[in-house]
Amino acid sequence: MAGACKMNERIRLETLCVRDGTDVAKQWAQWAMQLYRQSSNDSTHFASQPDWKPRFEQIIRELALFIEHETLDTAEVIHDN
């Protein structure tokens, strides 16, 4: 399931980049990251449950990576000079 979540975010960001530009994609990523963080910290939300929280935390990290480096590919960031 985590792979499916990550794939959905990647597709969404790629679509936004092509259709609306990187700035809009970054705005959406910031909004989604805040929403996912709130959800994973809300004990009444399923995203805070032990089987879901790590998935949301990973997606949050990937969205932060996109905002900072305009990529979801960790390898590109590691090898970036």
C-alpha atoms as a PDB file:
ATOM      1  CA  MET A   1       0.000   0.000   0.000  1.00  0.00           C
ATOM      2  CA  ALA A   2       2.805   2.434   0.812  1.00  0.00           C
ATOM      3  CA  GLY A   3       4.120   2.059  -2.714  1.00  0.00           C
ATOM      4  CA  ALA A   4       0.701   2.947  -4.082  1.00  0.00           C
ATOM      5  CA  CYS A   5       0.549   6.083  -1.930  1.00  0.00           C
ATOM      6  CA  LYS A   6       3.997   7.162  -3.042  1.00  0.00           C
ATOM      7  CA  MET A   7       3.145   6.481  -6.675  1.00  0.00           C
ATOM      8  CA  ASN A   8      -0.040   8.562  -6.432  1.00  0.00           C
ATOM      9  CA  GLU A   9       1.900  11.526  -5.043  1.00  0.00           C
ATOM     10  CA  ARG A  10       4.564  11.200  -7.727  1.00  0.00           C
ATOM     11  CA  ILE A  11       1.954  11.100 -10.488  1.00  0.00           C
ATOM     12  CA  ARG A  12       0.092  14.034  -8.969  1.00  0.00           C
ATOM     13  CA  LEU A  13       3.268  16.128  -8.724  1.00  0.00           C
ATOM     14  CA  GLU A  14       4.418  15.215 -12.226  1.00  0.00           C
ATOM     15  CA  THR A  15       0.997  16.142 -13.598  1.00  0.00           C
ATOM     16  CA  LEU A  16       0.982  19.466 -11.754  1.00  0.00           C
ATOM     17  CA  CYS A  17       4.515  20.273 -12.961  1.00  0.00           C
ATOM     18  CA  VAL A  18       3.616  19.641 -16.585  1.00  0.00           C
ATOM     19  CA  ARG A  19       0.170  21.216 -16.486  1.00  0.00           C
ATOM     20  CA  ASP A  20       0.656  24.160 -14.109  1.00  0.00           C
ATOM     21  CA  GLY A  21       4.375  24.491 -13.477  1.00  0.00           C
ATOM     22  CA  THR A  22       6.772  23.683 -10.679  1.00  0.00           C
ATOM     23  CA  ASP A  23       5.679  26.570  -8.450  1.00  0.00           C
ATOM     24  CA  VAL A  24       2.099  25.300  -8.369  1.00  0.00           C
ATOM     25  CA  ALA A  25       3.319  21.754  -7.721  1.00  0.00           C
ATOM     26  CA  LYS A  26       5.410  23.036  -4.812  1.00  0.00           C
ATOM     27  CA  GLN A  27       2.403  24.882  -3.394  1.00  0.00           C
ATOM     28  CA  TRP A  28       0.331  21.715  -3.574  1.00  0.00           C
ATOM     29  CA  ALA A  29       3.157  19.700  -1.984  1.00  0.00           C
ATOM     30  CA  GLN A  30       3.361  22.207   0.888  1.00  0.00           C
ATOM     31  CA  TRP A  31      -0.405  22.022   1.419  1.00  0.00           C
ATOM     32  CA  ALA A  32      -0.427  18.202   1.282  1.00  0.00           C
ATOM     33  CA  MET A  33       2.570  17.944   3.594  1.00  0.00           C
ATOM     34  CA  GLN A  34       0.826  20.091   6.219  1.00  0.00           C
ATOM     35  CA  LEU A  35      -2.398  18.098   5.886  1.00  0.00           C
ATOM     36  CA  TYR A  36      -0.592  14.761   6.178  1.00  0.00           C
ATOM     37  CA  ARG A  37       1.402  15.997   9.176  1.00  0.00           C
ATOM     38  CA  GLN A  38      -1.782  17.155  10.941  1.00  0.00           C
ATOM     39  CA  SER A  39      -3.511  13.872  10.151  1.00  0.00           C
ATOM     40  CA  SER A  40      -0.641  11.723  11.376  1.00  0.00           C
ATOM     41  CA  ASN A  41      -0.527  13.688  14.644  1.00  0.00           C
ATOM     42  CA  ASP A  42      -4.299  13.464  15.220  1.00  0.00           C
ATOM     43  CA  SER A  43      -5.015  10.417  17.374  1.00  0.00           C
ATOM     44  CA  THR A  44      -8.534  10.165  15.900  1.00  0.00           C
ATOM     45  CA  HIS A  45      -7.262   9.957  12.309  1.00  0.00           C
ATOM     46  CA  PHE A  46      -6.248   6.640  10.753  1.00  0.00           C
ATOM     47  CA  ALA A  47      -2.967   8.231   9.619  1.00  0.00           C
ATOM     48  CA  SER A  48      -1.831   8.267  13.254  1.00  0.00           C
ATOM     49  CA  GLN A  49      -2.259   4.513  13.684  1.00  0.00           C
ATOM     50  CA  PRO A  50       0.927   2.399  13.914  1.00  0.00           C
ATOM     51  CA  ASP A  51       0.351   0.649  10.580  1.00  0.00           C
ATOM     52  CA  TRP A  52      -0.245   3.925   8.710  1.00  0.00           C
ATOM     53  CA  LYS A  53       1.896   6.572  10.421  1.00  0.00           C
ATOM     54  CA  PRO A  54       5.240   5.428   8.923  1.00  0.00           C
ATOM     55  CA  ARG A  55       3.686   5.585   5.455  1.00  0.00           C
ATOM     56  CA  PHE A  56       2.512   9.138   5.974  1.00  0.00           C
ATOM     57  CA  GLU A  57       5.863  10.126   7.489  1.00  0.00           C
ATOM     58  CA  GLN A  58       7.631   8.767   4.390  1.00  0.00           C
ATOM     59  CA  ILE A  59       5.319  10.686   2.072  1.00  0.00           C
ATOM     60  CA  ILE A  60       5.897  13.852   4.135  1.00  0.00           C
ATOM     61  CA  ARG A  61       9.668  13.407   3.739  1.00  0.00           C
ATOM     62  CA  GLU A  62       9.297  12.918  -0.005  1.00  0.00           C
ATOM     63  CA  LEU A  63       7.104  15.995  -0.355  1.00  0.00           C
ATOM     64  CA  ALA A  64       9.678  18.022   1.602  1.00  0.00           C
ATOM     65  CA  LEU A  65      12.369  16.684  -0.734  1.00  0.00           C
ATOM     66  CA  PHE A  66      10.330  17.792  -3.737  1.00  0.00           C
ATOM     67  CA  ILE A  67       9.787  21.262  -2.273  1.00  0.00           C
ATOM     68  CA  GLU A  68      13.492  21.714  -1.587  1.00  0.00           C
ATOM     69  CA  HIS A  69      15.022  20.012  -4.638  1.00  0.00           C
ATOM     70  CA  GLU A  70      12.165  19.774  -7.163  1.00  0.00           C
ATOM     71  CA  THR A  71      12.582  16.010  -7.319  1.00  0.00           C
ATOM     72  CA  LEU A  72      11.203  12.929  -5.599  1.00  0.00           C
ATOM     73  CA  ASP A  73      14.283  10.931  -6.570  1.00  0.00           C
ATOM     74  CA  THR A  74      16.586  10.651  -3.567  1.00  0.00           C
ATOM     75  CA  ALA A  75      19.425   9.435  -5.801  1.00  0.00           C
ATOM     76  CA  GLU A  76      19.381  12.734  -7.692  1.00  0.00           C
ATOM     77  CA  VAL A  77      19.722  14.697  -4.456  1.00  0.00           C
ATOM     78  CA  ILE A  78      22.510  12.500  -3.084  1.00  0.00           C
ATOM     79  CA  HIS A  79      24.546  12.863  -6.262  1.00  0.00           C
ATOM     80  CA  ASP A  80      23.744  16.552  -6.713  1.00  0.00           C
ATOM     81  CA  ASN A  81      26.797  18.801  -6.402  1.00  0.00           C
END
